[in-house]
């Protein structure tokens, strides 16, 4: 299943958004912190849902876009 990169970056507009994460907590099951932690590179072209059930997979095109 292909997904848009906008799903990942929609709530992360700047590096400061990442710096401001509350890191003294369990990783949430969804949201930007979860997506950054559990997303993985893949051989596919574009974006997809991660088979592990959290985060996304992305190919080289997706990585270069961000």
PDB file of N, CA and C in Angstrom:
ATOM      1  N   UNK A   1       0.845  -1.177   0.000  1.00  0.00           N
ATOM      2  CA  UNK A   1       0.000   0.000   0.000  1.00  0.00           C
ATOM      3  C   UNK A   1       0.888   1.238   0.000  1.00  0.00           C
ATOM      4  N   UNK A   2       0.668   2.124  -0.932  1.00  0.00           N
ATOM      5  CA  UNK A   2       1.445   3.355  -1.021  1.00  0.00           C
ATOM      6  C   UNK A   2       0.769   4.434  -0.178  1.00  0.00           C
ATOM      7  N   UNK A   3       1.573   5.217   0.525  1.00  0.00           N
ATOM      8  CA  UNK A   3       1.050   6.340   1.300  1.00  0.00           C
ATOM      9  C   UNK A   3       1.840   7.585   0.954  1.00  0.00           C
ATOM     10  N   UNK A   4       1.301   8.704   1.285  1.00  0.00           N
ATOM     11  CA  UNK A   4       1.950   9.968   0.976  1.00  0.00           C
ATOM     12  C   UNK A   4       2.953  10.345   2.053  1.00  0.00           C
ATOM     13  N   UNK A   5       4.052  10.943   1.632  1.00  0.00           N
ATOM     14  CA  UNK A   5       5.049  11.444   2.580  1.00  0.00           C
ATOM     15  C   UNK A   5       4.440  12.491   3.499  1.00  0.00           C
ATOM     16  N   UNK A   6       3.386  13.130   3.051  1.00  0.00           N
ATOM     17  CA  UNK A   6       2.758  14.166   3.868  1.00  0.00           C
ATOM     18  C   UNK A   6       2.188  13.595   5.154  1.00  0.00           C
ATOM     19  N   UNK A   7       1.831  12.324   5.186  1.00  0.00           N
ATOM     20  CA  UNK A   7       1.329  11.730   6.426  1.00  0.00           C
ATOM     21  C   UNK A   7       2.383  11.774   7.512  1.00  0.00           C
ATOM     22  N   UNK A   8       3.635  11.614   7.118  1.00  0.00           N
ATOM     23  CA  UNK A   8       4.718  11.613   8.093  1.00  0.00           C
ATOM     24  C   UNK A   8       5.090  13.028   8.500  1.00  0.00           C
ATOM     25  N   UNK A   9       5.249  13.910   7.542  1.00  0.00           N
ATOM     26  CA  UNK A   9       5.793  15.226   7.841  1.00  0.00           C
ATOM     27  C   UNK A   9       4.729  16.275   8.145  1.00  0.00           C
ATOM     28  N   UNK A  10       3.462  15.923   8.083  1.00  0.00           N
ATOM     29  CA  UNK A  10       2.402  16.894   8.280  1.00  0.00           C
ATOM     30  C   UNK A  10       2.536  17.634   9.610  1.00  0.00           C
ATOM     31  N   UNK A  11       2.836  16.938  10.676  1.00  0.00           N
ATOM     32  CA  UNK A  11       2.931  17.585  11.982  1.00  0.00           C
ATOM     33  C   UNK A  11       4.370  17.911  12.370  1.00  0.00           C
ATOM     34  N   UNK A  12       5.312  17.669  11.490  1.00  0.00           N
ATOM     35  CA  UNK A  12       6.711  18.025  11.734  1.00  0.00           C
ATOM     36  C   UNK A  12       7.113  19.025  10.661  1.00  0.00           C
ATOM     37  N   UNK A  13       7.113  20.290  11.024  1.00  0.00           N
ATOM     38  CA  UNK A  13       7.427  21.330  10.054  1.00  0.00           C
ATOM     39  C   UNK A  13       8.873  21.787  10.141  1.00  0.00           C
ATOM     40  N   UNK A  14       9.476  21.670  11.318  1.00  0.00           N
ATOM     41  CA  UNK A  14      10.860  22.117  11.500  1.00  0.00           C
ATOM     42  C   UNK A  14      11.608  21.121  12.379  1.00  0.00           C
ATOM     43  N   UNK A  15      12.916  21.248  12.381  1.00  0.00           N
ATOM     44  CA  UNK A  15      13.740  20.413  13.261  1.00  0.00           C
ATOM     45  C   UNK A  15      13.417  20.734  14.717  1.00  0.00           C
ATOM     46  N   UNK A  16      13.029  21.963  15.000  1.00  0.00           N
ATOM     47  CA  UNK A  16      12.655  22.321  16.371  1.00  0.00           C
ATOM     48  C   UNK A  16      11.463  21.502  16.862  1.00  0.00           C
ATOM     49  N   UNK A  17      10.538  21.143  15.958  1.00  0.00           N
ATOM     50  CA  UNK A  17       9.432  20.275  16.359  1.00  0.00           C
ATOM     51  C   UNK A  17       9.960  18.953  16.899  1.00  0.00           C
ATOM     52  N   UNK A  18      11.001  18.427  16.284  1.00  0.00           N
ATOM     53  CA  UNK A  18      11.600  17.168  16.742  1.00  0.00           C
ATOM     54  C   UNK A  18      12.338  17.392  18.057  1.00  0.00           C
ATOM     55  N   UNK A  19      13.052  18.494  18.161  1.00  0.00           N
ATOM     56  CA  UNK A  19      13.780  18.805  19.399  1.00  0.00           C
ATOM     57  C   UNK A  19      12.838  18.933  20.591  1.00  0.00           C
ATOM     58  N   UNK A  20      11.616  19.354  20.339  1.00  0.00           N
ATOM     59  CA  UNK A  20      10.660  19.592  21.421  1.00  0.00           C
ATOM     60  C   UNK A  20       9.857  18.357  21.826  1.00  0.00           C
ATOM     61  N   UNK A  21      10.131  17.201  21.225  1.00  0.00           N
ATOM     62  CA  UNK A  21       9.453  15.973  21.652  1.00  0.00           C
ATOM     63  C   UNK A  21       9.735  15.719  23.126  1.00  0.00           C
ATOM     64  N   UNK A  22       8.732  15.253  23.851  1.00  0.00           N
ATOM     65  CA  UNK A  22       8.933  14.790  25.222  1.00  0.00           C
ATOM     66  C   UNK A  22       9.548  13.402  25.128  1.00  0.00           C
ATOM     67  N   UNK A  23      10.835  13.313  25.390  1.00  0.00           N
ATOM     68  CA  UNK A  23      11.550  12.045  25.196  1.00  0.00           C
ATOM     69  C   UNK A  23      11.536  11.154  26.433  1.00  0.00           C
ATOM     70  N   UNK A  24      11.019  11.674  27.530  1.00  0.00           N
ATOM     71  CA  UNK A  24      10.960  10.871  28.749  1.00  0.00           C
ATOM     72  C   UNK A  24       9.541  10.312  28.865  1.00  0.00           C
ATOM     73  N   UNK A  25       9.224   9.433  27.952  1.00  0.00           N
ATOM     74  CA  UNK A  25       7.915   8.790  27.915  1.00  0.00           C
ATOM     75  C   UNK A  25       8.023   7.535  27.068  1.00  0.00           C
ATOM     76  N   UNK A  26       7.031   6.690  27.170  1.00  0.00           N
ATOM     77  CA  UNK A  26       6.981   5.552  26.251  1.00  0.00           C
ATOM     78  C   UNK A  26       6.671   6.085  24.868  1.00  0.00           C
ATOM     79  N   UNK A  27       7.201   5.417  23.862  1.00  0.00           N
ATOM     80  CA  UNK A  27       6.927   5.843  22.495  1.00  0.00           C
ATOM     81  C   UNK A  27       5.446   5.620  22.212  1.00  0.00           C
ATOM     82  N   UNK A  28       4.742   6.664  21.752  1.00  0.00           N
ATOM     83  CA  UNK A  28       3.323   6.489  21.455  1.00  0.00           C
ATOM     84  C   UNK A  28       3.107   5.509  20.307  1.00  0.00           C
ATOM     85  N   UNK A  29       1.914   4.955  20.213  1.00  0.00           N
ATOM     86  CA  UNK A  29       1.587   3.987  19.159  1.00  0.00           C
ATOM     87  C   UNK A  29       1.329   4.645  17.818  1.00  0.00           C
ATOM     88  N   UNK A  30       1.192   5.957  17.795  1.00  0.00           N
ATOM     89  CA  UNK A  30       0.988   6.683  16.541  1.00  0.00           C
ATOM     90  C   UNK A  30       1.467   8.114  16.732  1.00  0.00           C
ATOM     91  N   UNK A  31       1.619   8.809  15.624  1.00  0.00           N
ATOM     92  CA  UNK A  31       2.048  10.201  15.679  1.00  0.00           C
ATOM     93  C   UNK A  31       3.480  10.377  15.193  1.00  0.00           C
ATOM     94  N   UNK A  32       3.959  11.612  15.182  1.00  0.00           N
ATOM     95  CA  UNK A  32       5.262  11.908  14.592  1.00  0.00           C
ATOM     96  C   UNK A  32       6.437  11.223  15.277  1.00  0.00           C
ATOM     97  N   UNK A  33       6.420  11.128  16.605  1.00  0.00           N
ATOM     98  CA  UNK A  33       7.532  10.476  17.301  1.00  0.00           C
ATOM     99  C   UNK A  33       7.612   8.997  16.921  1.00  0.00           C
ATOM    100  N   UNK A  34       6.486   8.337  16.879  1.00  0.00           N
ATOM    101  CA  UNK A  34       6.413   6.933  16.472  1.00  0.00           C
ATOM    102  C   UNK A  34       6.890   6.770  15.033  1.00  0.00           C
ATOM    103  N   UNK A  35       6.436   7.653  14.145  1.00  0.00           N
ATOM    104  CA  UNK A  35       6.810   7.560  12.733  1.00  0.00           C
ATOM    105  C   UNK A  35       8.313   7.715  12.533  1.00  0.00           C
ATOM    106  N   UNK A  36       8.923   8.650  13.242  1.00  0.00           N
ATOM    107  CA  UNK A  36      10.369   8.843  13.100  1.00  0.00           C
ATOM    108  C   UNK A  36      11.152   7.649  13.640  1.00  0.00           C
ATOM    109  N   UNK A  37      10.694   7.089  14.734  1.00  0.00           N
ATOM    110  CA  UNK A  37      11.414   5.975  15.355  1.00  0.00           C
ATOM    111  C   UNK A  37      11.279   4.678  14.571  1.00  0.00           C
ATOM    112  N   UNK A  38      10.093   4.380  14.052  1.00  0.00           N
ATOM    113  CA  UNK A  38       9.829   3.071  13.475  1.00  0.00           C
ATOM    114  C   UNK A  38       9.782   3.019  11.958  1.00  0.00           C
ATOM    115  N   UNK A  39      10.069   4.109  11.254  1.00  0.00           N
ATOM    116  CA  UNK A  39      10.088   4.063   9.786  1.00  0.00           C
ATOM    117  C   UNK A  39      11.420   3.519   9.293  1.00  0.00           C
ATOM    118  N   UNK A  40      11.380   2.784   8.184  1.00  0.00           N
ATOM    119  CA  UNK A  40      12.568   2.095   7.680  1.00  0.00           C
ATOM    120  C   UNK A  40      12.750   2.305   6.184  1.00  0.00           C
ATOM    121  N   UNK A  41      14.008   2.327   5.725  1.00  0.00           N
ATOM    122  CA  UNK A  41      14.249   2.338   4.277  1.00  0.00           C
ATOM    123  C   UNK A  41      13.832   1.001   3.673  1.00  0.00           C
ATOM    124  N   UNK A  42      13.487   1.034   2.391  1.00  0.00           N
ATOM    125  CA  UNK A  42      13.021  -0.163   1.704  1.00  0.00           C
ATOM    126  C   UNK A  42      13.435  -0.082   0.240  1.00  0.00           C
ATOM    127  N   UNK A  43      13.363  -1.200  -0.466  1.00  0.00           N
ATOM    128  CA  UNK A  43      13.705  -1.233  -1.888  1.00  0.00           C
ATOM    129  C   UNK A  43      12.595  -0.665  -2.765  1.00  0.00           C
ATOM    130  N   UNK A  44      11.442  -0.432  -2.210  1.00  0.00           N
ATOM    131  CA  UNK A  44      10.311   0.067  -2.989  1.00  0.00           C
ATOM    132  C   UNK A  44      10.575   1.492  -3.471  1.00  0.00           C
ATOM    133  N   UNK A  45       9.792   1.900  -4.435  1.00  0.00           N
ATOM    134  CA  UNK A  45       9.841   3.275  -4.923  1.00  0.00           C
ATOM    135  C   UNK A  45       8.685   4.019  -4.268  1.00  0.00           C
ATOM    136  N   UNK A  46       8.960   4.958  -3.426  1.00  0.00           N
ATOM    137  CA  UNK A  46       7.901   5.705  -2.756  1.00  0.00           C
ATOM    138  C   UNK A  46       7.745   5.287  -1.305  1.00  0.00           C
ATOM    139  N   UNK A  47       6.539   5.458  -0.795  1.00  0.00           N
ATOM    140  CA  UNK A  47       6.239   5.217   0.610  1.00  0.00           C
ATOM    141  C   UNK A  47       5.274   4.055   0.764  1.00  0.00           C
ATOM    142  N   UNK A  48       5.311   3.388   1.910  1.00  0.00           N
ATOM    143  CA  UNK A  48       4.377   2.312   2.189  1.00  0.00           C
ATOM    144  C   UNK A  48       4.171   2.155   3.683  1.00  0.00           C
ATOM    145  N   UNK A  49       3.178   1.394   4.052  1.00  0.00           N
ATOM    146  CA  UNK A  49       2.926   1.077   5.456  1.00  0.00           C
ATOM    147  C   UNK A  49       3.949   0.030   5.889  1.00  0.00           C
ATOM    148  N   UNK A  50       4.544   0.219   7.045  1.00  0.00           N
ATOM    149  CA  UNK A  50       5.542  -0.723   7.540  1.00  0.00           C
ATOM    150  C   UNK A  50       4.889  -2.049   7.927  1.00  0.00           C
ATOM    151  N   UNK A  51       5.503  -3.169   7.559  1.00  0.00           N
ATOM    152  CA  UNK A  51       4.938  -4.469   7.933  1.00  0.00           C
ATOM    153  C   UNK A  51       4.972  -4.718   9.440  1.00  0.00           C
ATOM    154  N   UNK A  52       5.771  -3.966  10.168  1.00  0.00           N
ATOM    155  CA  UNK A  52       5.828  -4.156  11.624  1.00  0.00           C
ATOM    156  C   UNK A  52       4.615  -3.564  12.334  1.00  0.00           C
ATOM    157  N   UNK A  53       3.798  -2.777  11.597  1.00  0.00           N
ATOM    158  CA  UNK A  53       2.580  -2.230  12.176  1.00  0.00           C
ATOM    159  C   UNK A  53       2.726  -0.836  12.756  1.00  0.00           C
ATOM    160  N   UNK A  54       3.902  -0.262  12.686  1.00  0.00           N
ATOM    161  CA  UNK A  54       4.122   1.109  13.158  1.00  0.00           C
ATOM    162  C   UNK A  54       5.106   1.774  12.211  1.00  0.00           C
ATOM    163  N   UNK A  55       4.895   3.029  11.921  1.00  0.00           N
ATOM    164  CA  UNK A  55       5.792   3.745  11.021  1.00  0.00           C
ATOM    165  C   UNK A  55       5.515   3.415   9.565  1.00  0.00           C
ATOM    166  N   UNK A  56       6.464   3.779   8.710  1.00  0.00           N
ATOM    167  CA  UNK A  56       6.321   3.632   7.268  1.00  0.00           C
ATOM    168  C   UNK A  56       7.604   3.065   6.678  1.00  0.00           C
ATOM    169  N   UNK A  57       7.547   2.664   5.430  1.00  0.00           N
ATOM    170  CA  UNK A  57       8.748   2.317   4.677  1.00  0.00           C
ATOM    171  C   UNK A  57       8.901   3.359   3.578  1.00  0.00           C
ATOM    172  N   UNK A  58      10.139   3.591   3.166  1.00  0.00           N
ATOM    173  CA  UNK A  58      10.372   4.592   2.136  1.00  0.00           C
ATOM    174  C   UNK A  58      11.546   4.184   1.264  1.00  0.00           C
ATOM    175  N   UNK A  59      11.451   4.502  -0.020  1.00  0.00           N
ATOM    176  CA  UNK A  59      12.527   4.246  -0.964  1.00  0.00           C
ATOM    177  C   UNK A  59      13.445   5.449  -1.070  1.00  0.00           C
ATOM    178  N   UNK A  60      14.426   5.375  -1.973  1.00  0.00           N
ATOM    179  CA  UNK A  60      15.391   6.464  -2.097  1.00  0.00           C
ATOM    180  C   UNK A  60      14.731   7.770  -2.522  1.00  0.00           C
ATOM    181  N   UNK A  61      13.714   7.699  -3.371  1.00  0.00           N
ATOM    182  CA  UNK A  61      13.018   8.929  -3.774  1.00  0.00           C
ATOM    183  C   UNK A  61      12.383   9.612  -2.564  1.00  0.00           C
ATOM    184  N   UNK A  62      11.738   8.842  -1.723  1.00  0.00           N
ATOM    185  CA  UNK A  62      11.101   9.406  -0.534  1.00  0.00           C
ATOM    186  C   UNK A  62      12.109   9.999   0.428  1.00  0.00           C
ATOM    187  N   UNK A  63      13.230   9.337   0.599  1.00  0.00           N
ATOM    188  CA  UNK A  63      14.277   9.847   1.480  1.00  0.00           C
ATOM    189  C   UNK A  63      14.870  11.147   0.971  1.00  0.00           C
ATOM    190  N   UNK A  64      15.051  11.253  -0.327  1.00  0.00           N
ATOM    191  CA  UNK A  64      15.612  12.476  -0.910  1.00  0.00           C
ATOM    192  C   UNK A  64      14.636  13.641  -0.808  1.00  0.00           C
ATOM    193  N   UNK A  65      13.331  13.351  -0.911  1.00  0.00           N
ATOM    194  CA  UNK A  65      12.322  14.417  -0.828  1.00  0.00           C
ATOM    195  C   UNK A  65      12.337  15.113   0.517  1.00  0.00           C
ATOM    196  N   UNK A  66      12.537  14.343   1.549  1.00  0.00           N
ATOM    197  CA  UNK A  66      12.522  14.929   2.894  1.00  0.00           C
ATOM    198  C   UNK A  66      13.865  15.534   3.176  1.00  0.00           C
TER     199      UNK A  66
END
